[in-house]
């Protein structure tokens, strides 16, 4: 299901993954109107989305969450497992905190509502394509509320200054979605050493999951570099 455009050079190649045919058609029409976008392919569910992502190697995967058999979060995890530098932008009707943090944990580079304006979606795609993280205003509000709740509960202990330079570097890479093996290769150290640093980071920050580390990194602005 590839477009008929012959010249895709210098354009952002996008894969649409959504089980609603009419929605895909509308999004495709809107994106195709952008001079620097081309819809390289479409998929109707998570399994097909993974297959098409591996076949087409698009610049950005625009991923729905709720789909039959394999949902968008599971598909994102699988795509990131096989294509480490894949950029997945979640386009969803859900505004739940749980869905937001699950998507971030899966390695997604952005989260935007299906109710967003066309201009916001275009901006989100370009932002993700450039290697940055994009969160819709609603998602940002959820992040802020989560932060304020942690402050209110006395749980927000900013121990960032206690981290070594190497630990800060590894924290940033973890927040960007890299695995221990990928970090080890990038920093020319062993995966076991990465795991040791990761344990120290979590102990110092009093955190217990990658999701918490990602949220912390976002609050610190580590993903804006």
N, C-alpha and C. Protein backbone atom coordinates (compact mmCIF):
# COMPACT_ATOMS: atom_id res chain seq x y z
N UNK A 1 0.84 -1.20 0.00
CA UNK A 1 0.00 0.00 0.00
C UNK A 1 0.87 1.25 0.00
N UNK A 2 1.66 1.42 -1.03
CA UNK A 2 2.57 2.54 -1.13
C UNK A 2 1.97 3.61 -2.05
N UNK A 3 2.32 4.85 -1.85
CA UNK A 3 1.80 5.93 -2.69
C UNK A 3 2.41 5.87 -4.07
N UNK A 4 1.81 6.61 -4.98
CA UNK A 4 2.27 6.57 -6.37
C UNK A 4 3.37 7.57 -6.64
N UNK A 5 3.71 8.44 -5.68
CA UNK A 5 4.75 9.43 -5.91
C UNK A 5 6.07 8.74 -6.24
N UNK A 6 6.70 9.22 -7.28
CA UNK A 6 7.98 8.63 -7.67
C UNK A 6 9.14 9.27 -6.92
N UNK A 7 9.02 10.56 -6.69
CA UNK A 7 10.13 11.25 -6.06
C UNK A 7 9.84 11.46 -4.57
N UNK A 8 10.49 10.64 -3.72
CA UNK A 8 10.30 10.76 -2.29
C UNK A 8 11.55 11.31 -1.61
N UNK A 9 12.54 11.67 -2.41
CA UNK A 9 13.77 12.18 -1.84
C UNK A 9 13.51 13.51 -1.15
N UNK A 10 14.20 13.69 -0.03
CA UNK A 10 14.11 14.93 0.76
C UNK A 10 12.73 15.16 1.36
N UNK A 11 11.90 14.13 1.36
CA UNK A 11 10.59 14.24 2.00
C UNK A 11 10.56 13.35 3.24
N UNK A 12 9.74 13.73 4.21
CA UNK A 12 9.56 12.92 5.41
C UNK A 12 8.59 11.80 5.07
N UNK A 13 9.07 10.57 5.09
CA UNK A 13 8.27 9.40 4.72
C UNK A 13 7.53 8.89 5.96
N UNK A 14 6.21 8.81 5.85
CA UNK A 14 5.36 8.51 7.00
C UNK A 14 4.59 7.21 6.78
N UNK A 15 4.53 6.39 7.82
CA UNK A 15 3.71 5.18 7.82
C UNK A 15 2.52 5.41 8.74
N UNK A 16 1.30 5.25 8.22
CA UNK A 16 0.08 5.40 9.02
C UNK A 16 -0.38 4.05 9.53
N UNK A 17 -0.54 3.93 10.84
CA UNK A 17 -1.00 2.67 11.43
C UNK A 17 -2.26 2.95 12.25
N UNK A 18 -3.41 2.55 11.72
CA UNK A 18 -4.70 2.79 12.38
C UNK A 18 -5.72 1.83 11.79
N UNK A 19 -6.60 1.29 12.61
CA UNK A 19 -7.56 0.31 12.12
C UNK A 19 -8.81 0.95 11.52
N UNK A 20 -8.89 2.28 11.54
CA UNK A 20 -10.05 2.96 10.96
C UNK A 20 -9.69 3.48 9.56
N UNK A 21 -10.29 2.90 8.55
CA UNK A 21 -9.98 3.24 7.16
C UNK A 21 -10.28 4.70 6.84
N UNK A 22 -11.42 5.18 7.31
CA UNK A 22 -11.81 6.56 7.02
C UNK A 22 -10.85 7.54 7.67
N UNK A 23 -10.43 7.26 8.90
CA UNK A 23 -9.49 8.15 9.57
C UNK A 23 -8.15 8.16 8.84
N UNK A 24 -7.68 6.97 8.43
CA UNK A 24 -6.42 6.92 7.69
C UNK A 24 -6.51 7.74 6.41
N UNK A 25 -7.64 7.64 5.73
CA UNK A 25 -7.81 8.36 4.48
C UNK A 25 -7.76 9.87 4.71
N UNK A 26 -8.42 10.32 5.80
CA UNK A 26 -8.43 11.74 6.10
C UNK A 26 -7.05 12.27 6.48
N UNK A 27 -6.35 11.51 7.31
CA UNK A 27 -5.00 11.91 7.73
C UNK A 27 -4.06 11.91 6.53
N UNK A 28 -4.19 10.89 5.69
CA UNK A 28 -3.33 10.79 4.49
C UNK A 28 -3.54 11.99 3.58
N UNK A 29 -4.79 12.37 3.39
CA UNK A 29 -5.10 13.51 2.52
C UNK A 29 -4.49 14.79 3.08
N UNK A 30 -4.60 14.96 4.39
CA UNK A 30 -4.08 16.16 5.03
C UNK A 30 -2.55 16.20 4.96
N UNK A 31 -1.91 15.08 5.25
CA UNK A 31 -0.44 15.03 5.25
C UNK A 31 0.13 15.19 3.84
N UNK A 32 -0.57 14.62 2.86
CA UNK A 32 -0.09 14.69 1.48
C UNK A 32 -0.10 16.10 0.94
N UNK A 33 -0.85 16.99 1.61
CA UNK A 33 -0.89 18.39 1.17
C UNK A 33 0.37 19.15 1.58
N UNK A 34 1.16 18.55 2.47
CA UNK A 34 2.41 19.19 2.90
C UNK A 34 3.51 18.89 1.89
N UNK A 35 4.22 19.89 1.42
CA UNK A 35 5.23 19.68 0.38
C UNK A 35 6.40 18.80 0.81
N UNK A 36 6.65 18.70 2.13
CA UNK A 36 7.79 17.91 2.59
C UNK A 36 7.37 16.57 3.20
N UNK A 37 6.09 16.19 3.03
CA UNK A 37 5.59 14.91 3.55
C UNK A 37 5.22 13.98 2.40
N UNK A 38 5.38 12.67 2.63
CA UNK A 38 4.82 11.68 1.73
C UNK A 38 4.40 10.48 2.57
N UNK A 39 3.19 10.00 2.36
CA UNK A 39 2.70 8.82 3.07
C UNK A 39 3.25 7.60 2.35
N UNK A 40 4.24 6.97 2.95
CA UNK A 40 4.94 5.84 2.31
C UNK A 40 4.16 4.55 2.39
N UNK A 41 3.24 4.44 3.37
CA UNK A 41 2.47 3.21 3.50
C UNK A 41 1.41 3.32 4.58
N UNK A 42 0.55 2.31 4.64
CA UNK A 42 -0.52 2.26 5.63
C UNK A 42 -0.61 0.86 6.21
N UNK A 43 -1.13 0.76 7.43
CA UNK A 43 -1.32 -0.53 8.07
C UNK A 43 -2.60 -0.49 8.90
N UNK A 44 -3.27 -1.63 8.98
CA UNK A 44 -4.58 -1.68 9.63
C UNK A 44 -4.55 -2.19 11.06
N UNK A 45 -3.42 -2.71 11.52
CA UNK A 45 -3.30 -3.18 12.90
C UNK A 45 -1.83 -3.21 13.29
N UNK A 46 -1.58 -3.56 14.55
CA UNK A 46 -0.22 -3.54 15.05
C UNK A 46 0.73 -4.48 14.33
N UNK A 47 0.26 -5.71 14.07
CA UNK A 47 1.11 -6.68 13.39
C UNK A 47 1.52 -6.17 12.01
N UNK A 48 0.55 -5.66 11.28
CA UNK A 48 0.84 -5.14 9.94
C UNK A 48 1.71 -3.89 10.04
N UNK A 49 1.51 -3.11 11.10
CA UNK A 49 2.32 -1.92 11.30
C UNK A 49 3.79 -2.26 11.48
N UNK A 50 4.06 -3.29 12.28
CA UNK A 50 5.45 -3.74 12.49
C UNK A 50 6.04 -4.22 11.17
N UNK A 51 5.28 -5.04 10.45
CA UNK A 51 5.75 -5.59 9.17
C UNK A 51 6.07 -4.48 8.17
N UNK A 52 5.16 -3.49 8.07
CA UNK A 52 5.36 -2.40 7.12
C UNK A 52 6.52 -1.49 7.55
N UNK A 53 6.68 -1.31 8.85
CA UNK A 53 7.79 -0.49 9.34
C UNK A 53 9.13 -1.13 8.98
N UNK A 54 9.20 -2.46 9.11
CA UNK A 54 10.43 -3.17 8.77
C UNK A 54 10.68 -3.14 7.27
N UNK A 55 9.60 -3.21 6.48
CA UNK A 55 9.74 -3.24 5.02
C UNK A 55 10.06 -1.86 4.46
N UNK A 56 9.37 -0.84 4.95
CA UNK A 56 9.49 0.50 4.36
C UNK A 56 10.55 1.38 5.01
N UNK A 57 10.86 1.10 6.28
CA UNK A 57 11.80 1.94 7.04
C UNK A 57 11.42 3.42 6.92
N UNK A 58 10.20 3.78 7.34
CA UNK A 58 9.76 5.18 7.21
C UNK A 58 10.51 6.08 8.18
N UNK A 59 10.45 7.38 7.93
CA UNK A 59 11.08 8.35 8.83
C UNK A 59 10.28 8.50 10.12
N UNK A 60 8.95 8.44 10.00
CA UNK A 60 8.07 8.57 11.16
C UNK A 60 6.92 7.57 11.03
N UNK A 61 6.63 6.87 12.12
CA UNK A 61 5.46 5.99 12.17
C UNK A 61 4.39 6.71 12.98
N UNK A 62 3.23 6.93 12.38
CA UNK A 62 2.10 7.57 13.07
C UNK A 62 1.21 6.44 13.57
N UNK A 63 1.19 6.22 14.88
CA UNK A 63 0.63 5.00 15.47
C UNK A 63 -0.59 5.25 16.35
N UNK A 64 -1.67 4.52 16.07
CA UNK A 64 -2.85 4.52 16.95
C UNK A 64 -2.56 3.58 18.12
N UNK A 65 -3.32 3.69 19.21
CA UNK A 65 -3.12 2.78 20.35
C UNK A 65 -4.06 1.59 20.28
N UNK A 66 -5.37 1.86 20.23
CA UNK A 66 -6.36 0.79 20.31
C UNK A 66 -6.60 0.15 18.95
N UNK A 67 -6.04 -1.06 18.79
CA UNK A 67 -6.21 -1.83 17.56
C UNK A 67 -6.32 -3.30 17.91
N UNK A 68 -6.96 -4.10 17.06
CA UNK A 68 -7.13 -5.52 17.36
C UNK A 68 -5.81 -6.29 17.32
N UNK A 69 -5.77 -7.41 18.02
CA UNK A 69 -4.63 -8.34 18.06
C UNK A 69 -3.41 -7.74 18.74
N UNK A 70 -2.75 -6.81 18.10
CA UNK A 70 -1.59 -6.14 18.69
C UNK A 70 -1.86 -4.64 18.75
N UNK A 71 -1.88 -4.07 19.97
CA UNK A 71 -2.18 -2.64 20.07
C UNK A 71 -0.95 -1.80 19.72
N UNK A 72 -1.14 -0.49 19.70
CA UNK A 72 -0.08 0.40 19.27
C UNK A 72 1.12 0.43 20.19
N UNK A 73 0.88 0.24 21.48
CA UNK A 73 2.00 0.23 22.43
C UNK A 73 2.87 -1.00 22.20
N UNK A 74 2.22 -2.16 22.04
CA UNK A 74 2.97 -3.39 21.76
C UNK A 74 3.72 -3.28 20.43
N UNK A 75 3.06 -2.70 19.44
CA UNK A 75 3.69 -2.55 18.12
C UNK A 75 4.90 -1.62 18.20
N UNK A 76 4.78 -0.56 19.00
CA UNK A 76 5.90 0.37 19.16
C UNK A 76 7.09 -0.32 19.80
N UNK A 77 6.83 -1.10 20.82
CA UNK A 77 7.91 -1.85 21.48
C UNK A 77 8.62 -2.75 20.48
N UNK A 78 7.86 -3.45 19.65
CA UNK A 78 8.45 -4.39 18.68
C UNK A 78 9.22 -3.63 17.60
N UNK A 79 8.66 -2.53 17.14
CA UNK A 79 9.37 -1.74 16.12
C UNK A 79 10.68 -1.22 16.67
N UNK A 80 10.66 -0.69 17.90
CA UNK A 80 11.87 -0.17 18.52
C UNK A 80 12.88 -1.28 18.80
N UNK A 81 12.38 -2.47 19.07
CA UNK A 81 13.28 -3.60 19.32
C UNK A 81 14.07 -3.95 18.07
N UNK A 82 13.42 -3.84 16.91
CA UNK A 82 14.06 -4.23 15.66
C UNK A 82 14.69 -3.06 14.92
N UNK A 83 14.18 -1.85 15.17
CA UNK A 83 14.76 -0.64 14.55
C UNK A 83 14.97 0.36 15.68
N UNK A 84 16.14 0.34 16.27
CA UNK A 84 16.41 1.13 17.48
C UNK A 84 16.16 2.61 17.30
N UNK A 85 16.45 3.14 16.11
CA UNK A 85 16.30 4.58 15.90
C UNK A 85 14.96 4.96 15.27
N UNK A 86 14.01 4.02 15.27
CA UNK A 86 12.69 4.32 14.71
C UNK A 86 12.02 5.44 15.51
N UNK A 87 11.29 6.30 14.81
CA UNK A 87 10.59 7.41 15.45
C UNK A 87 9.09 7.17 15.34
N UNK A 88 8.46 6.94 16.48
CA UNK A 88 7.04 6.63 16.52
C UNK A 88 6.29 7.75 17.23
N UNK A 89 5.30 8.30 16.55
CA UNK A 89 4.44 9.34 17.12
C UNK A 89 3.07 8.73 17.37
N UNK A 90 2.65 8.72 18.62
CA UNK A 90 1.35 8.16 18.99
C UNK A 90 0.25 9.18 18.70
N UNK A 91 -0.73 8.77 17.89
CA UNK A 91 -1.89 9.60 17.58
C UNK A 91 -3.11 8.87 18.15
N UNK A 92 -3.71 9.41 19.20
CA UNK A 92 -4.71 8.65 19.94
C UNK A 92 -5.87 9.50 20.44
N UNK A 93 -6.96 8.83 20.77
CA UNK A 93 -8.11 9.50 21.37
C UNK A 93 -8.02 9.47 22.90
N UNK A 94 -7.05 8.72 23.43
CA UNK A 94 -6.93 8.56 24.88
C UNK A 94 -6.15 9.70 25.51
N UNK A 95 -6.64 10.19 26.66
CA UNK A 95 -5.94 11.24 27.38
C UNK A 95 -5.55 10.76 28.78
N UNK A 96 -5.46 9.44 28.92
CA UNK A 96 -5.17 8.85 30.22
C UNK A 96 -3.68 8.95 30.55
N UNK A 97 -3.38 9.23 31.82
CA UNK A 97 -1.99 9.26 32.29
C UNK A 97 -1.32 7.91 32.08
N UNK A 98 -2.08 6.84 32.32
CA UNK A 98 -1.52 5.49 32.17
C UNK A 98 -1.08 5.26 30.73
N UNK A 99 -1.93 5.61 29.77
CA UNK A 99 -1.58 5.43 28.36
C UNK A 99 -0.36 6.28 27.99
N UNK A 100 -0.32 7.51 28.49
CA UNK A 100 0.79 8.40 28.17
C UNK A 100 2.12 7.80 28.61
N UNK A 101 2.19 7.36 29.86
CA UNK A 101 3.45 6.84 30.37
C UNK A 101 3.79 5.47 29.79
N UNK A 102 2.76 4.69 29.44
CA UNK A 102 3.02 3.42 28.76
C UNK A 102 3.64 3.68 27.39
N UNK A 103 3.14 4.70 26.70
CA UNK A 103 3.67 5.03 25.37
C UNK A 103 5.12 5.51 25.47
N UNK A 104 5.40 6.34 26.47
CA UNK A 104 6.77 6.81 26.66
C UNK A 104 7.69 5.64 26.99
N UNK A 105 7.18 4.75 27.81
CA UNK A 105 7.98 3.58 28.19
C UNK A 105 8.24 2.67 27.00
N UNK A 106 7.31 2.64 26.05
CA UNK A 106 7.46 1.78 24.87
C UNK A 106 8.54 2.30 23.93
N UNK A 107 8.94 3.55 24.13
CA UNK A 107 9.97 4.13 23.26
C UNK A 107 9.42 5.14 22.26
N UNK A 108 8.13 5.47 22.37
CA UNK A 108 7.54 6.45 21.45
C UNK A 108 8.20 7.81 21.63
N UNK A 109 8.28 8.55 20.53
CA UNK A 109 8.92 9.87 20.55
C UNK A 109 7.92 11.01 20.73
N UNK A 110 6.63 10.69 20.73
CA UNK A 110 5.65 11.75 20.87
C UNK A 110 4.27 11.21 21.14
N UNK A 111 3.39 12.08 21.59
CA UNK A 111 2.03 11.71 21.98
C UNK A 111 1.12 12.88 21.66
N UNK A 112 0.13 12.63 20.80
CA UNK A 112 -0.76 13.72 20.37
C UNK A 112 -2.19 13.19 20.22
N UNK A 113 -3.16 14.03 20.50
CA UNK A 113 -4.56 13.63 20.43
C UNK A 113 -5.09 13.68 19.00
N UNK A 114 -6.01 12.78 18.69
CA UNK A 114 -6.66 12.79 17.38
C UNK A 114 -7.51 14.04 17.19
N UNK A 115 -7.81 14.71 18.30
CA UNK A 115 -8.61 15.93 18.21
C UNK A 115 -7.75 17.16 17.95
N UNK A 116 -6.45 16.96 17.87
CA UNK A 116 -5.54 18.10 17.66
C UNK A 116 -5.77 18.72 16.28
N UNK A 117 -5.44 19.98 16.16
CA UNK A 117 -5.56 20.67 14.87
C UNK A 117 -4.54 20.11 13.89
N UNK A 118 -4.85 20.25 12.60
CA UNK A 118 -3.93 19.76 11.56
C UNK A 118 -2.54 20.34 11.72
N UNK A 119 -2.48 21.63 12.06
CA UNK A 119 -1.18 22.30 12.18
C UNK A 119 -0.35 21.70 13.32
N UNK A 120 -1.03 21.27 14.39
CA UNK A 120 -0.29 20.67 15.51
C UNK A 120 0.29 19.32 15.11
N UNK A 121 -0.48 18.53 14.36
CA UNK A 121 0.00 17.23 13.91
C UNK A 121 1.21 17.40 12.99
N UNK A 122 1.14 18.37 12.10
CA UNK A 122 2.26 18.64 11.19
C UNK A 122 3.50 19.02 12.00
N UNK A 123 3.31 19.89 12.98
CA UNK A 123 4.43 20.29 13.84
C UNK A 123 5.00 19.11 14.60
N UNK A 124 4.12 18.25 15.12
CA UNK A 124 4.55 17.09 15.88
C UNK A 124 5.39 16.15 15.03
N UNK A 125 4.96 15.91 13.80
CA UNK A 125 5.70 15.01 12.90
C UNK A 125 7.08 15.58 12.61
N UNK A 126 7.15 16.86 12.32
CA UNK A 126 8.45 17.48 12.02
C UNK A 126 9.36 17.46 13.25
N UNK A 127 8.78 17.69 14.43
CA UNK A 127 9.56 17.68 15.67
C UNK A 127 10.16 16.31 15.93
N UNK A 128 9.33 15.27 15.80
CA UNK A 128 9.79 13.90 16.03
C UNK A 128 10.83 13.50 14.98
N UNK A 129 10.59 13.90 13.74
CA UNK A 129 11.53 13.58 12.66
C UNK A 129 12.91 14.16 12.93
N UNK A 130 12.95 15.30 13.58
CA UNK A 130 14.22 15.97 13.89
C UNK A 130 14.93 15.33 15.08
N UNK A 131 14.29 14.31 15.67
CA UNK A 131 14.92 13.61 16.78
C UNK A 131 14.53 14.13 18.16
N UNK A 132 13.51 14.98 18.21
CA UNK A 132 13.05 15.53 19.48
C UNK A 132 11.77 14.83 19.94
N UNK A 133 11.39 15.11 21.17
CA UNK A 133 10.16 14.55 21.73
C UNK A 133 9.05 15.59 21.62
N UNK A 134 7.85 15.15 21.21
CA UNK A 134 6.71 16.06 21.13
C UNK A 134 5.58 15.54 22.01
N UNK A 135 5.12 16.40 22.91
CA UNK A 135 3.97 16.07 23.75
C UNK A 135 2.90 17.13 23.52
N UNK A 136 1.68 16.69 23.29
CA UNK A 136 0.57 17.63 23.09
C UNK A 136 0.39 18.46 24.36
N UNK A 137 -0.28 19.61 24.27
CA UNK A 137 -0.53 20.41 25.47
C UNK A 137 -1.21 19.61 26.58
N UNK A 138 -2.12 18.70 26.20
CA UNK A 138 -2.79 17.88 27.20
C UNK A 138 -1.81 16.93 27.88
N UNK A 139 -0.94 16.32 27.07
CA UNK A 139 0.06 15.42 27.64
C UNK A 139 1.01 16.18 28.56
N UNK A 140 1.39 17.39 28.16
CA UNK A 140 2.25 18.22 29.01
C UNK A 140 1.56 18.54 30.32
N UNK A 141 0.25 18.80 30.25
CA UNK A 141 -0.51 19.10 31.46
C UNK A 141 -0.52 17.89 32.40
N UNK A 142 -0.64 16.69 31.82
CA UNK A 142 -0.61 15.47 32.62
C UNK A 142 0.74 15.35 33.32
N UNK A 143 1.82 15.65 32.57
CA UNK A 143 3.16 15.59 33.15
C UNK A 143 3.31 16.59 34.30
N UNK A 144 2.80 17.79 34.11
CA UNK A 144 2.88 18.82 35.15
C UNK A 144 2.08 18.40 36.37
N UNK A 145 0.87 17.89 36.14
CA UNK A 145 0.03 17.44 37.26
C UNK A 145 0.72 16.33 38.04
N UNK A 146 1.37 15.42 37.30
CA UNK A 146 2.08 14.33 37.95
C UNK A 146 3.22 14.89 38.81
N UNK A 147 3.93 15.87 38.28
CA UNK A 147 5.03 16.50 39.02
C UNK A 147 4.51 17.18 40.29
N UNK A 148 3.43 17.96 40.15
CA UNK A 148 2.88 18.67 41.30
C UNK A 148 2.38 17.70 42.36
N UNK A 149 1.81 16.57 41.91
CA UNK A 149 1.34 15.57 42.86
C UNK A 149 2.51 14.98 43.63
N UNK A 150 3.62 14.73 42.92
CA UNK A 150 4.81 14.19 43.57
C UNK A 150 5.38 15.18 44.59
N UNK A 151 5.34 16.47 44.23
CA UNK A 151 5.80 17.50 45.17
C UNK A 151 4.90 17.52 46.39
N UNK A 152 3.59 17.47 46.13
CA UNK A 152 2.61 17.50 47.22
C UNK A 152 2.80 16.32 48.17
N UNK A 153 3.14 15.16 47.57
CA UNK A 153 3.32 13.95 48.38
C UNK A 153 4.70 13.87 49.01
N UNK A 154 5.55 14.84 48.67
CA UNK A 154 6.89 14.83 49.22
C UNK A 154 7.80 13.81 48.57
N UNK A 155 7.41 13.33 47.36
CA UNK A 155 8.18 12.28 46.69
C UNK A 155 9.22 12.84 45.73
N UNK A 156 9.08 14.11 45.37
CA UNK A 156 9.98 14.67 44.36
C UNK A 156 11.29 15.12 45.01
N UNK A 157 12.25 14.25 45.01
CA UNK A 157 13.55 14.55 45.60
C UNK A 157 14.55 14.70 44.45
N UNK A 158 14.86 15.95 44.14
CA UNK A 158 15.76 16.21 43.02
C UNK A 158 17.19 15.94 43.45
N UNK A 159 17.64 14.72 43.22
CA UNK A 159 19.00 14.33 43.58
C UNK A 159 19.89 14.30 42.35
N UNK A 160 19.50 15.07 41.32
CA UNK A 160 20.27 15.05 40.08
C UNK A 160 21.72 15.44 40.31
N UNK A 161 21.93 16.38 41.24
CA UNK A 161 23.29 16.84 41.51
C UNK A 161 24.17 15.74 42.09
N UNK A 162 23.55 14.70 42.63
CA UNK A 162 24.33 13.60 43.22
C UNK A 162 24.82 12.61 42.17
N UNK A 163 24.31 12.73 40.94
CA UNK A 163 24.72 11.81 39.87
C UNK A 163 26.08 12.22 39.31
N UNK A 164 26.88 11.23 38.96
CA UNK A 164 28.14 11.51 38.30
C UNK A 164 27.87 11.90 36.85
N UNK A 165 28.88 12.43 36.17
CA UNK A 165 28.72 12.80 34.77
C UNK A 165 28.32 11.59 33.93
N UNK A 166 28.94 10.45 34.20
CA UNK A 166 28.60 9.22 33.45
C UNK A 166 27.17 8.80 33.72
N UNK A 167 26.72 8.92 34.97
CA UNK A 167 25.34 8.54 35.31
C UNK A 167 24.34 9.48 34.64
N UNK A 168 24.68 10.76 34.56
CA UNK A 168 23.79 11.71 33.88
C UNK A 168 23.70 11.39 32.39
N UNK A 169 24.84 11.01 31.82
CA UNK A 169 24.87 10.65 30.40
C UNK A 169 24.02 9.42 30.15
N UNK A 170 24.12 8.43 31.00
CA UNK A 170 23.35 7.19 30.85
C UNK A 170 21.87 7.44 31.10
N UNK A 171 21.55 8.29 32.08
CA UNK A 171 20.15 8.64 32.35
C UNK A 171 19.51 9.23 31.10
N UNK A 172 20.20 10.14 30.43
CA UNK A 172 19.67 10.76 29.22
C UNK A 172 19.43 9.72 28.13
N UNK A 173 20.36 8.80 27.96
CA UNK A 173 20.22 7.77 26.93
C UNK A 173 19.09 6.82 27.25
N UNK A 174 18.92 6.49 28.53
CA UNK A 174 17.79 5.64 28.94
C UNK A 174 16.48 6.34 28.61
N UNK A 175 16.41 7.63 28.94
CA UNK A 175 15.18 8.41 28.70
C UNK A 175 14.88 8.52 27.21
N UNK A 176 15.92 8.44 26.37
CA UNK A 176 15.73 8.51 24.92
C UNK A 176 15.30 7.17 24.34
N UNK A 177 15.20 6.14 25.19
CA UNK A 177 14.68 4.86 24.74
C UNK A 177 15.73 3.83 24.37
N UNK A 178 17.00 4.11 24.65
CA UNK A 178 18.05 3.17 24.28
C UNK A 178 18.12 2.02 25.28
N UNK A 179 18.44 0.82 24.78
CA UNK A 179 18.59 -0.35 25.63
C UNK A 179 19.98 -0.36 26.25
N UNK A 180 20.19 -1.27 27.23
CA UNK A 180 21.52 -1.39 27.85
C UNK A 180 22.59 -1.70 26.81
N UNK A 181 22.28 -2.61 25.88
CA UNK A 181 23.26 -2.98 24.86
C UNK A 181 23.59 -1.81 23.94
N UNK A 182 22.56 -1.03 23.58
CA UNK A 182 22.79 0.13 22.71
C UNK A 182 23.62 1.19 23.43
N UNK A 183 23.34 1.41 24.71
CA UNK A 183 24.12 2.37 25.50
C UNK A 183 25.56 1.90 25.63
N UNK A 184 25.72 0.60 25.89
CA UNK A 184 27.06 0.03 26.03
C UNK A 184 27.87 0.24 24.76
N UNK A 185 27.24 0.00 23.62
CA UNK A 185 27.93 0.17 22.35
C UNK A 185 28.28 1.64 22.09
N UNK A 186 27.34 2.53 22.42
CA UNK A 186 27.57 3.96 22.18
C UNK A 186 28.70 4.50 23.06
N UNK A 187 28.77 4.02 24.32
CA UNK A 187 29.75 4.55 25.26
C UNK A 187 31.00 3.69 25.37
N UNK A 188 31.04 2.59 24.60
CA UNK A 188 32.20 1.68 24.60
C UNK A 188 32.47 1.11 25.99
N UNK A 189 31.39 0.68 26.64
CA UNK A 189 31.51 0.00 27.92
C UNK A 189 30.67 -1.27 27.86
N UNK A 190 30.75 -2.11 28.86
CA UNK A 190 30.01 -3.37 28.84
C UNK A 190 28.56 -3.17 29.28
N UNK A 191 27.63 -4.01 28.79
CA UNK A 191 26.23 -3.94 29.23
C UNK A 191 26.11 -4.09 30.75
N UNK A 192 27.00 -4.90 31.36
CA UNK A 192 26.96 -5.09 32.81
C UNK A 192 27.28 -3.78 33.53
N UNK A 193 28.24 -3.03 32.97
CA UNK A 193 28.59 -1.74 33.56
C UNK A 193 27.42 -0.76 33.45
N UNK A 194 26.74 -0.79 32.30
CA UNK A 194 25.56 0.06 32.11
C UNK A 194 24.50 -0.29 33.15
N UNK A 195 24.28 -1.58 33.36
CA UNK A 195 23.28 -2.04 34.33
C UNK A 195 23.64 -1.58 35.74
N UNK A 196 24.93 -1.60 36.06
CA UNK A 196 25.37 -1.15 37.38
C UNK A 196 25.10 0.34 37.55
N UNK A 197 25.44 1.13 36.52
CA UNK A 197 25.17 2.57 36.56
C UNK A 197 23.66 2.83 36.70
N UNK A 198 22.89 2.07 35.96
CA UNK A 198 21.43 2.24 36.00
C UNK A 198 20.89 1.99 37.40
N UNK A 199 21.41 0.96 38.07
CA UNK A 199 21.00 0.65 39.43
C UNK A 199 21.35 1.79 40.37
N UNK A 200 22.55 2.33 40.22
CA UNK A 200 22.97 3.45 41.06
C UNK A 200 22.09 4.68 40.83
N UNK A 201 21.76 4.93 39.56
CA UNK A 201 20.91 6.08 39.22
C UNK A 201 19.56 5.95 39.91
N UNK A 202 18.96 4.78 39.80
CA UNK A 202 17.63 4.57 40.38
C UNK A 202 17.66 4.66 41.90
N UNK A 203 18.76 4.18 42.49
CA UNK A 203 18.89 4.26 43.94
C UNK A 203 19.01 5.72 44.39
N UNK A 204 19.84 6.49 43.69
CA UNK A 204 20.06 7.89 44.06
C UNK A 204 18.80 8.74 43.88
N UNK A 205 18.03 8.42 42.83
CA UNK A 205 16.83 9.20 42.55
C UNK A 205 15.58 8.63 43.22
N UNK A 206 15.76 7.50 43.89
CA UNK A 206 14.64 6.83 44.55
C UNK A 206 13.53 6.50 43.57
N UNK A 207 13.93 5.91 42.43
CA UNK A 207 12.98 5.53 41.39
C UNK A 207 13.10 4.04 41.10
N UNK A 208 12.03 3.50 40.51
CA UNK A 208 11.96 2.05 40.40
C UNK A 208 11.61 1.53 39.01
N UNK A 209 11.51 2.41 38.03
CA UNK A 209 11.16 1.97 36.68
C UNK A 209 11.69 2.95 35.65
N UNK A 210 11.75 2.49 34.40
CA UNK A 210 12.20 3.35 33.31
C UNK A 210 11.23 4.52 33.11
N UNK A 211 9.94 4.26 33.32
CA UNK A 211 8.94 5.33 33.15
C UNK A 211 9.25 6.49 34.09
N UNK A 212 9.59 6.19 35.34
CA UNK A 212 9.92 7.23 36.30
C UNK A 212 11.17 7.99 35.86
N UNK A 213 12.15 7.27 35.32
CA UNK A 213 13.37 7.92 34.84
C UNK A 213 13.07 8.86 33.67
N UNK A 214 12.20 8.40 32.74
CA UNK A 214 11.81 9.24 31.60
C UNK A 214 11.11 10.51 32.08
N UNK A 215 10.18 10.35 33.01
CA UNK A 215 9.46 11.50 33.54
C UNK A 215 10.42 12.48 34.23
N UNK A 216 11.36 11.94 34.99
CA UNK A 216 12.36 12.78 35.66
C UNK A 216 13.20 13.53 34.63
N UNK A 217 13.66 12.81 33.60
CA UNK A 217 14.49 13.42 32.56
C UNK A 217 13.74 14.54 31.84
N UNK A 218 12.45 14.34 31.61
CA UNK A 218 11.64 15.37 30.95
C UNK A 218 11.52 16.60 31.84
N UNK A 219 11.30 16.38 33.12
CA UNK A 219 11.20 17.52 34.04
C UNK A 219 12.50 18.30 34.10
N UNK A 220 13.62 17.59 33.99
CA UNK A 220 14.92 18.24 34.03
C UNK A 220 15.30 18.87 32.69
N UNK A 221 14.50 18.59 31.64
CA UNK A 221 14.80 19.14 30.33
C UNK A 221 15.93 18.42 29.61
N UNK A 222 16.21 17.18 30.04
CA UNK A 222 17.33 16.44 29.45
C UNK A 222 17.05 16.02 28.03
N UNK A 223 15.77 15.93 27.64
CA UNK A 223 15.43 15.48 26.29
C UNK A 223 15.29 16.66 25.33
N UNK A 224 15.55 17.86 25.80
CA UNK A 224 15.43 19.04 24.92
C UNK A 224 16.72 19.37 24.21
N UNK A 225 17.82 18.68 24.59
CA UNK A 225 19.12 18.99 24.00
C UNK A 225 19.18 18.53 22.56
